[in-house]
């Protein structure tokens, strides 16, 4: 039997390295990963994801493709599927799984997103001191408790700094994307097409607060990871894998590994 394919889209200020430990457990699937190494503008990010999906579909049936997007990666995935070039295939997709993502990162309601002034200030700092600003942003991806657990386990606080694949221009453009993007219409298009959508979100996420989960998504299509921050796949990997594998294999003739 042909293996099904999982396409992973990482979030802002990180790289596909964030998926390494999870992917190592999912040997029953083929995998490919987004790369933002050559992205300089907002449109570059959109084009990279859309072209990746189109390329995968040249050799993989839509029903055998699962797209997993984390944070900004989830937003880019939603846009790509709603795009005119792909929306005809969206309803045939194996699944799209959004992890700690959002339909609109910048909102007036802090329970759903970040205030515009905070992201605008971050844009200015990013243009001046990109690496220091990325490091500060990465610190917000984990809760204080998760960070303490990792430091205790690794005895090396430096490991909390993650590699990223963003250019300096891409770091600024990525923030601009988060400032300007509103995906409510794209989301409704996917809902109307009955795309197989699923959402996984940490209850203590401070980057994309739990209020970012769309209110029109049925309860059976959402898993809330208790006490998890913005990276539920990292500190609570076992629970995340159990949830993910159940969803990926739902309705498919795949043997759990």
C-alpha atoms as a PDB file:
ATOM      1  CA  UNK A   1       0.000   0.000   0.000  1.00  0.00           C
ATOM      2  CA  UNK A   2       1.246   3.473  -0.892  1.00  0.00           C
ATOM      3  CA  UNK A   3       2.139   5.520   2.156  1.00  0.00           C
ATOM      4  CA  UNK A   4       0.101   8.622   2.777  1.00  0.00           C
ATOM      5  CA  UNK A   5       1.929  11.957   2.766  1.00  0.00           C
ATOM      6  CA  UNK A   6       2.169  14.576   5.507  1.00  0.00           C
ATOM      7  CA  UNK A   7       3.231  18.130   4.623  1.00  0.00           C
ATOM      8  CA  UNK A   8       4.430  20.125   7.633  1.00  0.00           C
ATOM      9  CA  UNK A   9       4.375  23.945   7.763  1.00  0.00           C
ATOM     10  CA  UNK A  10       6.224  25.503  10.698  1.00  0.00           C
ATOM     11  CA  UNK A  11       5.483  28.824  12.325  1.00  0.00           C
ATOM     12  CA  UNK A  12       7.058  32.245  12.559  1.00  0.00           C
ATOM     13  CA  UNK A  13      10.690  32.568  13.622  1.00  0.00           C
ATOM     14  CA  UNK A  14      11.371  28.807  13.616  1.00  0.00           C
ATOM     15  CA  UNK A  15      12.220  26.055  11.122  1.00  0.00           C
ATOM     16  CA  UNK A  16      11.121  22.546  10.227  1.00  0.00           C
ATOM     17  CA  UNK A  17      13.444  21.337  13.006  1.00  0.00           C
ATOM     18  CA  UNK A  18      10.531  21.860  15.416  1.00  0.00           C
ATOM     19  CA  UNK A  19       8.849  18.779  13.915  1.00  0.00           C
ATOM     20  CA  UNK A  20      11.878  16.459  14.163  1.00  0.00           C
ATOM     21  CA  UNK A  21      10.902  14.503  17.292  1.00  0.00           C
ATOM     22  CA  UNK A  22       7.273  14.118  16.225  1.00  0.00           C
ATOM     23  CA  UNK A  23       8.090  13.040  12.672  1.00  0.00           C
ATOM     24  CA  UNK A  24      10.558  10.415  13.922  1.00  0.00           C
ATOM     25  CA  UNK A  25       7.582   8.598  15.477  1.00  0.00           C
ATOM     26  CA  UNK A  26       5.399   8.695  12.359  1.00  0.00           C
ATOM     27  CA  UNK A  27       7.264   6.236  10.168  1.00  0.00           C
ATOM     28  CA  UNK A  28       4.053   4.982   8.577  1.00  0.00           C
ATOM     29  CA  UNK A  29       3.855   8.201   6.523  1.00  0.00           C
ATOM     30  CA  UNK A  30       5.962   9.985   3.933  1.00  0.00           C
ATOM     31  CA  UNK A  31       6.895  13.521   4.958  1.00  0.00           C
ATOM     32  CA  UNK A  32       7.883  16.819   3.397  1.00  0.00           C
ATOM     33  CA  UNK A  33       8.470  20.210   4.949  1.00  0.00           C
ATOM     34  CA  UNK A  34       7.987  23.857   4.146  1.00  0.00           C
ATOM     35  CA  UNK A  35      11.093  26.001   3.834  1.00  0.00           C
ATOM     36  CA  UNK A  36      11.179  29.780   4.074  1.00  0.00           C
ATOM     37  CA  UNK A  37      14.891  30.225   3.344  1.00  0.00           C
ATOM     38  CA  UNK A  38      14.217  32.137   0.127  1.00  0.00           C
ATOM     39  CA  UNK A  39      11.210  34.139   1.324  1.00  0.00           C
ATOM     40  CA  UNK A  40      11.673  37.903   1.439  1.00  0.00           C
ATOM     41  CA  UNK A  41       8.140  39.225   0.953  1.00  0.00           C
ATOM     42  CA  UNK A  42       4.668  38.303   2.167  1.00  0.00           C
ATOM     43  CA  UNK A  43       3.850  36.948  -1.267  1.00  0.00           C
ATOM     44  CA  UNK A  44       6.957  34.743  -1.163  1.00  0.00           C
ATOM     45  CA  UNK A  45       5.545  32.912   1.881  1.00  0.00           C
ATOM     46  CA  UNK A  46       2.204  32.327   0.187  1.00  0.00           C
ATOM     47  CA  UNK A  47       3.862  31.180  -3.029  1.00  0.00           C
ATOM     48  CA  UNK A  48       6.229  28.774  -1.227  1.00  0.00           C
ATOM     49  CA  UNK A  49       3.411  26.888   0.495  1.00  0.00           C
ATOM     50  CA  UNK A  50       1.099  26.860  -2.508  1.00  0.00           C
ATOM     51  CA  UNK A  51       3.833  25.569  -4.821  1.00  0.00           C
ATOM     52  CA  UNK A  52       4.834  22.891  -2.307  1.00  0.00           C
ATOM     53  CA  UNK A  53       1.264  21.572  -2.139  1.00  0.00           C
ATOM     54  CA  UNK A  54       0.883  21.669  -5.909  1.00  0.00           C
ATOM     55  CA  UNK A  55       4.167  19.772  -6.263  1.00  0.00           C
ATOM     56  CA  UNK A  56       3.114  17.062  -3.803  1.00  0.00           C
ATOM     57  CA  UNK A  57      -0.198  16.618  -5.623  1.00  0.00           C
ATOM     58  CA  UNK A  58       1.656  15.824  -8.848  1.00  0.00           C
ATOM     59  CA  UNK A  59       2.514  12.423  -7.370  1.00  0.00           C
ATOM     60  CA  UNK A  60       0.038  12.056  -4.484  1.00  0.00           C
ATOM     61  CA  UNK A  61      -3.744  11.815  -4.588  1.00  0.00           C
ATOM     62  CA  UNK A  62      -5.485  14.578  -2.591  1.00  0.00           C
ATOM     63  CA  UNK A  63      -7.075  11.931  -0.352  1.00  0.00           C
ATOM     64  CA  UNK A  64      -3.576  10.726   0.587  1.00  0.00           C
ATOM     65  CA  UNK A  65      -2.294  14.173   1.576  1.00  0.00           C
ATOM     66  CA  UNK A  66      -2.473  15.603   5.092  1.00  0.00           C
ATOM     67  CA  UNK A  67      -1.384  19.195   5.722  1.00  0.00           C
ATOM     68  CA  UNK A  68      -0.274  20.146   9.234  1.00  0.00           C
ATOM     69  CA  UNK A  69       0.250  23.849   9.874  1.00  0.00           C
ATOM     70  CA  UNK A  70       1.453  25.353  13.131  1.00  0.00           C
ATOM     71  CA  UNK A  71       0.770  28.994  14.036  1.00  0.00           C
ATOM     72  CA  UNK A  72       1.572  31.185  11.001  1.00  0.00           C
ATOM     73  CA  UNK A  73       2.143  27.939   9.074  1.00  0.00           C
ATOM     74  CA  UNK A  74      -1.495  27.027   9.669  1.00  0.00           C
ATOM     75  CA  UNK A  75      -2.588  30.405   8.376  1.00  0.00           C
ATOM     76  CA  UNK A  76      -0.539  29.941   5.212  1.00  0.00           C
ATOM     77  CA  UNK A  77      -2.050  26.474   4.763  1.00  0.00           C
ATOM     78  CA  UNK A  78      -5.595  27.802   5.047  1.00  0.00           C
ATOM     79  CA  UNK A  79      -4.844  30.462   2.431  1.00  0.00           C
ATOM     80  CA  UNK A  80      -3.263  27.961   0.061  1.00  0.00           C
ATOM     81  CA  UNK A  81      -6.244  25.597   0.183  1.00  0.00           C
ATOM     82  CA  UNK A  82      -8.708  28.443  -0.283  1.00  0.00           C
ATOM     83  CA  UNK A  83      -6.767  29.761  -3.309  1.00  0.00           C
ATOM     84  CA  UNK A  84      -8.436  29.404  -6.696  1.00  0.00           C
ATOM     85  CA  UNK A  85      -5.716  27.024  -7.926  1.00  0.00           C
ATOM     86  CA  UNK A  86      -6.316  24.537  -5.111  1.00  0.00           C
ATOM     87  CA  UNK A  87      -9.817  24.978  -3.717  1.00  0.00           C
ATOM     88  CA  UNK A  88     -11.255  22.501  -6.184  1.00  0.00           C
ATOM     89  CA  UNK A  89      -9.110  19.826  -4.552  1.00  0.00           C
ATOM     90  CA  UNK A  90      -9.638  20.969  -0.969  1.00  0.00           C
ATOM     91  CA  UNK A  91     -12.739  18.872  -0.340  1.00  0.00           C
ATOM     92  CA  UNK A  92     -10.843  15.752  -1.465  1.00  0.00           C
ATOM     93  CA  UNK A  93      -7.922  16.384   0.901  1.00  0.00           C
ATOM     94  CA  UNK A  94      -7.075  13.697   3.454  1.00  0.00           C
ATOM     95  CA  UNK A  95      -7.085  16.349   6.184  1.00  0.00           C
ATOM     96  CA  UNK A  96      -5.812  19.721   7.268  1.00  0.00           C
ATOM     97  CA  UNK A  97      -4.724  19.905  10.899  1.00  0.00           C
ATOM     98  CA  UNK A  98      -4.169  23.314  12.435  1.00  0.00           C
ATOM     99  CA  UNK A  99      -1.915  23.475  15.483  1.00  0.00           C
ATOM    100  CA  UNK A 100      -2.055  26.551  17.741  1.00  0.00           C
ATOM    101  CA  UNK A 101      -3.012  28.674  14.751  1.00  0.00           C
ATOM    102  CA  UNK A 102      -5.354  31.609  14.127  1.00  0.00           C
ATOM    103  CA  UNK A 103      -7.595  33.169  11.522  1.00  0.00           C
ATOM    104  CA  UNK A 104      -6.477  36.664  12.501  1.00  0.00           C
ATOM    105  CA  UNK A 105      -3.357  37.097  14.615  1.00  0.00           C
ATOM    106  CA  UNK A 106      -3.914  40.796  15.354  1.00  0.00           C
ATOM    107  CA  UNK A 107      -7.217  41.572  17.071  1.00  0.00           C
ATOM    108  CA  UNK A 108      -8.635  44.065  19.543  1.00  0.00           C
ATOM    109  CA  UNK A 109      -9.622  41.157  21.801  1.00  0.00           C
ATOM    110  CA  UNK A 110      -6.512  39.929  23.669  1.00  0.00           C
ATOM    111  CA  UNK A 111      -8.292  36.621  24.344  1.00  0.00           C
ATOM    112  CA  UNK A 112      -8.158  35.943  20.595  1.00  0.00           C
ATOM    113  CA  UNK A 113      -4.876  37.520  19.450  1.00  0.00           C
ATOM    114  CA  UNK A 114      -2.244  40.208  19.895  1.00  0.00           C
ATOM    115  CA  UNK A 115      -2.802  43.989  19.914  1.00  0.00           C
ATOM    116  CA  UNK A 116      -1.667  45.749  16.743  1.00  0.00           C
ATOM    117  CA  UNK A 117       0.636  48.115  18.636  1.00  0.00           C
ATOM    118  CA  UNK A 118       2.594  45.169  20.089  1.00  0.00           C
ATOM    119  CA  UNK A 119       3.238  43.601  16.677  1.00  0.00           C
ATOM    120  CA  UNK A 120       4.096  46.987  15.140  1.00  0.00           C
ATOM    121  CA  UNK A 121       6.645  47.567  17.901  1.00  0.00           C
ATOM    122  CA  UNK A 122       8.033  44.095  17.252  1.00  0.00           C
ATOM    123  CA  UNK A 123       8.358  44.959  13.537  1.00  0.00           C
ATOM    124  CA  UNK A 124      10.504  47.963  14.408  1.00  0.00           C
ATOM    125  CA  UNK A 125      12.705  45.939  16.742  1.00  0.00           C
ATOM    126  CA  UNK A 126      13.005  43.139  14.197  1.00  0.00           C
ATOM    127  CA  UNK A 127      14.326  45.537  11.569  1.00  0.00           C
ATOM    128  CA  UNK A 128      16.924  46.826  14.047  1.00  0.00           C
ATOM    129  CA  UNK A 129      17.947  43.686  15.958  1.00  0.00           C
ATOM    130  CA  UNK A 130      16.538  40.604  14.216  1.00  0.00           C
ATOM    131  CA  UNK A 131      18.283  37.837  16.154  1.00  0.00           C
ATOM    132  CA  UNK A 132      17.671  39.342  19.594  1.00  0.00           C
ATOM    133  CA  UNK A 133      14.025  39.935  18.707  1.00  0.00           C
ATOM    134  CA  UNK A 134      13.590  36.369  17.432  1.00  0.00           C
ATOM    135  CA  UNK A 135      15.089  35.049  20.659  1.00  0.00           C
ATOM    136  CA  UNK A 136      12.656  37.145  22.711  1.00  0.00           C
ATOM    137  CA  UNK A 137       9.743  35.905  20.599  1.00  0.00           C
ATOM    138  CA  UNK A 138      10.815  32.288  20.941  1.00  0.00           C
ATOM    139  CA  UNK A 139      10.785  32.689  24.718  1.00  0.00           C
ATOM    140  CA  UNK A 140       7.020  33.280  24.532  1.00  0.00           C
ATOM    141  CA  UNK A 141       6.370  29.944  22.773  1.00  0.00           C
ATOM    142  CA  UNK A 142       6.548  28.018  26.048  1.00  0.00           C
ATOM    143  CA  UNK A 143       4.842  28.577  29.377  1.00  0.00           C
ATOM    144  CA  UNK A 144       7.054  29.313  32.377  1.00  0.00           C
ATOM    145  CA  UNK A 145       6.427  25.781  33.639  1.00  0.00           C
ATOM    146  CA  UNK A 146       7.305  24.191  30.289  1.00  0.00           C
ATOM    147  CA  UNK A 147      10.514  26.219  30.102  1.00  0.00           C
ATOM    148  CA  UNK A 148      11.517  25.161  33.615  1.00  0.00           C
ATOM    149  CA  UNK A 149      10.844  21.518  32.772  1.00  0.00           C
ATOM    150  CA  UNK A 150      13.055  21.690  29.701  1.00  0.00           C
ATOM    151  CA  UNK A 151      15.876  23.396  31.573  1.00  0.00           C
ATOM    152  CA  UNK A 152      15.687  20.752  34.302  1.00  0.00           C
ATOM    153  CA  UNK A 153      15.668  17.935  31.753  1.00  0.00           C
ATOM    154  CA  UNK A 154      18.460  19.269  29.571  1.00  0.00           C
ATOM    155  CA  UNK A 155      20.529  21.194  32.091  1.00  0.00           C
ATOM    156  CA  UNK A 156      21.242  23.565  29.259  1.00  0.00           C
ATOM    157  CA  UNK A 157      19.215  26.733  28.892  1.00  0.00           C
ATOM    158  CA  UNK A 158      20.831  27.457  25.531  1.00  0.00           C
ATOM    159  CA  UNK A 159      18.845  24.637  23.963  1.00  0.00           C
ATOM    160  CA  UNK A 160      15.720  26.698  24.412  1.00  0.00           C
ATOM    161  CA  UNK A 161      16.894  28.838  21.496  1.00  0.00           C
ATOM    162  CA  UNK A 162      15.635  27.237  18.291  1.00  0.00           C
ATOM    163  CA  UNK A 163      17.116  27.503  14.803  1.00  0.00           C
ATOM    164  CA  UNK A 164      15.051  29.370  12.222  1.00  0.00           C
ATOM    165  CA  UNK A 165      15.093  29.481   8.428  1.00  0.00           C
ATOM    166  CA  UNK A 166      13.913  33.066   7.943  1.00  0.00           C
ATOM    167  CA  UNK A 167      15.909  35.734   6.127  1.00  0.00           C
ATOM    168  CA  UNK A 168      16.153  39.097   7.874  1.00  0.00           C
ATOM    169  CA  UNK A 169      13.717  40.528   5.323  1.00  0.00           C
ATOM    170  CA  UNK A 170      11.494  37.500   5.808  1.00  0.00           C
ATOM    171  CA  UNK A 171      11.345  38.091   9.563  1.00  0.00           C
ATOM    172  CA  UNK A 172       9.943  41.567   8.955  1.00  0.00           C
ATOM    173  CA  UNK A 173       7.615  40.406   6.160  1.00  0.00           C
ATOM    174  CA  UNK A 174       6.347  37.567   8.338  1.00  0.00           C
ATOM    175  CA  UNK A 175       5.296  40.065  10.971  1.00  0.00           C
ATOM    176  CA  UNK A 176       3.624  42.150   8.278  1.00  0.00           C
ATOM    177  CA  UNK A 177       1.714  39.037   7.233  1.00  0.00           C
ATOM    178  CA  UNK A 178       0.535  38.554  10.817  1.00  0.00           C
ATOM    179  CA  UNK A 179      -0.450  42.225  11.009  1.00  0.00           C
ATOM    180  CA  UNK A 180      -2.524  42.268   7.841  1.00  0.00           C
ATOM    181  CA  UNK A 181      -3.996  38.796   7.350  1.00  0.00           C
ATOM    182  CA  UNK A 182      -7.658  38.041   8.033  1.00  0.00           C
ATOM    183  CA  UNK A 183      -8.678  34.518   7.015  1.00  0.00           C
ATOM    184  CA  UNK A 184     -12.317  34.459   8.094  1.00  0.00           C
ATOM    185  CA  UNK A 185     -13.588  34.387   4.499  1.00  0.00           C
ATOM    186  CA  UNK A 186     -11.040  31.732   3.498  1.00  0.00           C
ATOM    187  CA  UNK A 187     -12.047  29.657   6.516  1.00  0.00           C
ATOM    188  CA  UNK A 188     -15.728  29.878   5.628  1.00  0.00           C
ATOM    189  CA  UNK A 189     -14.901  28.742   2.099  1.00  0.00           C
ATOM    190  CA  UNK A 190     -13.170  25.635   3.462  1.00  0.00           C
ATOM    191  CA  UNK A 191     -16.015  24.958   5.895  1.00  0.00           C
ATOM    192  CA  UNK A 192     -18.563  25.223   3.087  1.00  0.00           C
ATOM    193  CA  UNK A 193     -16.534  22.796   0.985  1.00  0.00           C
ATOM    194  CA  UNK A 194     -16.591  20.378   3.926  1.00  0.00           C
ATOM    195  CA  UNK A 195     -12.820  20.089   4.043  1.00  0.00           C
ATOM    196  CA  UNK A 196     -11.642  17.580   6.669  1.00  0.00           C
ATOM    197  CA  UNK A 197     -10.430  20.131   9.235  1.00  0.00           C
ATOM    198  CA  UNK A 198      -9.072  19.534  12.715  1.00  0.00           C
ATOM    199  CA  UNK A 199      -7.600  21.875  15.347  1.00  0.00           C
ATOM    200  CA  UNK A 200      -5.160  21.199  18.224  1.00  0.00           C
ATOM    201  CA  UNK A 201      -4.560  24.006  20.719  1.00  0.00           C
ATOM    202  CA  UNK A 202      -2.870  24.436  24.099  1.00  0.00           C
ATOM    203  CA  UNK A 203      -5.045  25.940  26.816  1.00  0.00           C
ATOM    204  CA  UNK A 204      -2.203  28.175  28.088  1.00  0.00           C
ATOM    205  CA  UNK A 205      -1.074  29.470  24.696  1.00  0.00           C
ATOM    206  CA  UNK A 206      -0.025  33.113  24.990  1.00  0.00           C
ATOM    207  CA  UNK A 207       0.960  33.569  21.326  1.00  0.00           C
ATOM    208  CA  UNK A 208      -2.293  32.397  19.755  1.00  0.00           C
ATOM    209  CA  UNK A 209      -4.678  32.429  22.725  1.00  0.00           C
ATOM    210  CA  UNK A 210      -7.202  29.627  22.989  1.00  0.00           C
ATOM    211  CA  UNK A 211      -9.900  32.101  21.917  1.00  0.00           C
ATOM    212  CA  UNK A 212      -8.367  31.976  18.416  1.00  0.00           C
ATOM    213  CA  UNK A 213     -10.001  28.579  17.803  1.00  0.00           C
ATOM    214  CA  UNK A 214     -12.906  29.240  15.383  1.00  0.00           C
ATOM    215  CA  UNK A 215     -16.229  29.186  17.182  1.00  0.00           C
ATOM    216  CA  UNK A 216     -17.949  27.454  14.251  1.00  0.00           C
ATOM    217  CA  UNK A 217     -15.715  24.389  14.398  1.00  0.00           C
ATOM    218  CA  UNK A 218     -17.619  21.409  15.881  1.00  0.00           C
ATOM    219  CA  UNK A 219     -16.353  20.221  19.271  1.00  0.00           C
ATOM    220  CA  UNK A 220     -15.387  16.810  17.877  1.00  0.00           C
ATOM    221  CA  UNK A 221     -12.955  18.539  15.520  1.00  0.00           C
ATOM    222  CA  UNK A 222     -10.952  20.233  18.280  1.00  0.00           C
ATOM    223  CA  UNK A 223      -8.524  18.902  20.877  1.00  0.00           C
ATOM    224  CA  UNK A 224      -7.468  21.197  23.718  1.00  0.00           C
ATOM    225  CA  UNK A 225      -4.162  20.227  25.342  1.00  0.00           C
ATOM    226  CA  UNK A 226      -4.406  21.133  29.011  1.00  0.00           C
ATOM    227  CA  UNK A 227      -1.701  23.434  30.416  1.00  0.00           C
ATOM    228  CA  UNK A 228       0.178  23.531  27.100  1.00  0.00           C
ATOM    229  CA  UNK A 229       1.589  26.695  25.579  1.00  0.00           C
ATOM    230  CA  UNK A 230       2.158  27.480  21.914  1.00  0.00           C
ATOM    231  CA  UNK A 231       4.069  24.222  21.209  1.00  0.00           C
ATOM    232  CA  UNK A 232       1.774  21.392  22.370  1.00  0.00           C
ATOM    233  CA  UNK A 233       3.732  18.998  20.150  1.00  0.00           C
ATOM    234  CA  UNK A 234       6.954  19.685  22.043  1.00  0.00           C
ATOM    235  CA  UNK A 235       6.562  19.304  25.791  1.00  0.00           C
ATOM    236  CA  UNK A 236       3.475  17.057  25.571  1.00  0.00           C
ATOM    237  CA  UNK A 237       4.673  15.073  22.569  1.00  0.00           C
ATOM    238  CA  UNK A 238       3.107  11.760  23.615  1.00  0.00           C
ATOM    239  CA  UNK A 239      -0.379  13.194  23.929  1.00  0.00           C
ATOM    240  CA  UNK A 240       0.065  15.187  20.739  1.00  0.00           C
ATOM    241  CA  UNK A 241       1.155  12.099  18.807  1.00  0.00           C
ATOM    242  CA  UNK A 242      -1.771  10.054  20.088  1.00  0.00           C
ATOM    243  CA  UNK A 243      -4.194  12.772  19.022  1.00  0.00           C
ATOM    244  CA  UNK A 244      -2.474  13.318  15.695  1.00  0.00           C
ATOM    245  CA  UNK A 245      -2.183   9.673  14.720  1.00  0.00           C
ATOM    246  CA  UNK A 246      -5.824   9.053  15.565  1.00  0.00           C
ATOM    247  CA  UNK A 247      -6.819  11.914  13.286  1.00  0.00           C
ATOM    248  CA  UNK A 248      -4.466  11.007  10.450  1.00  0.00           C
ATOM    249  CA  UNK A 249      -5.625   7.396  10.475  1.00  0.00           C
ATOM    250  CA  UNK A 250      -9.315   8.155  10.928  1.00  0.00           C
ATOM    251  CA  UNK A 251     -11.166   6.480   8.095  1.00  0.00           C
ATOM    252  CA  UNK A 252      -7.971   5.308   6.417  1.00  0.00           C
ATOM    253  CA  UNK A 253      -6.577   1.788   6.175  1.00  0.00           C
ATOM    254  CA  UNK A 254      -3.341   2.611   7.955  1.00  0.00           C
ATOM    255  CA  UNK A 255      -1.852   0.534  10.714  1.00  0.00           C
ATOM    256  CA  UNK A 256      -0.711   2.558  13.710  1.00  0.00           C
ATOM    257  CA  UNK A 257       3.012   2.442  14.313  1.00  0.00           C
END
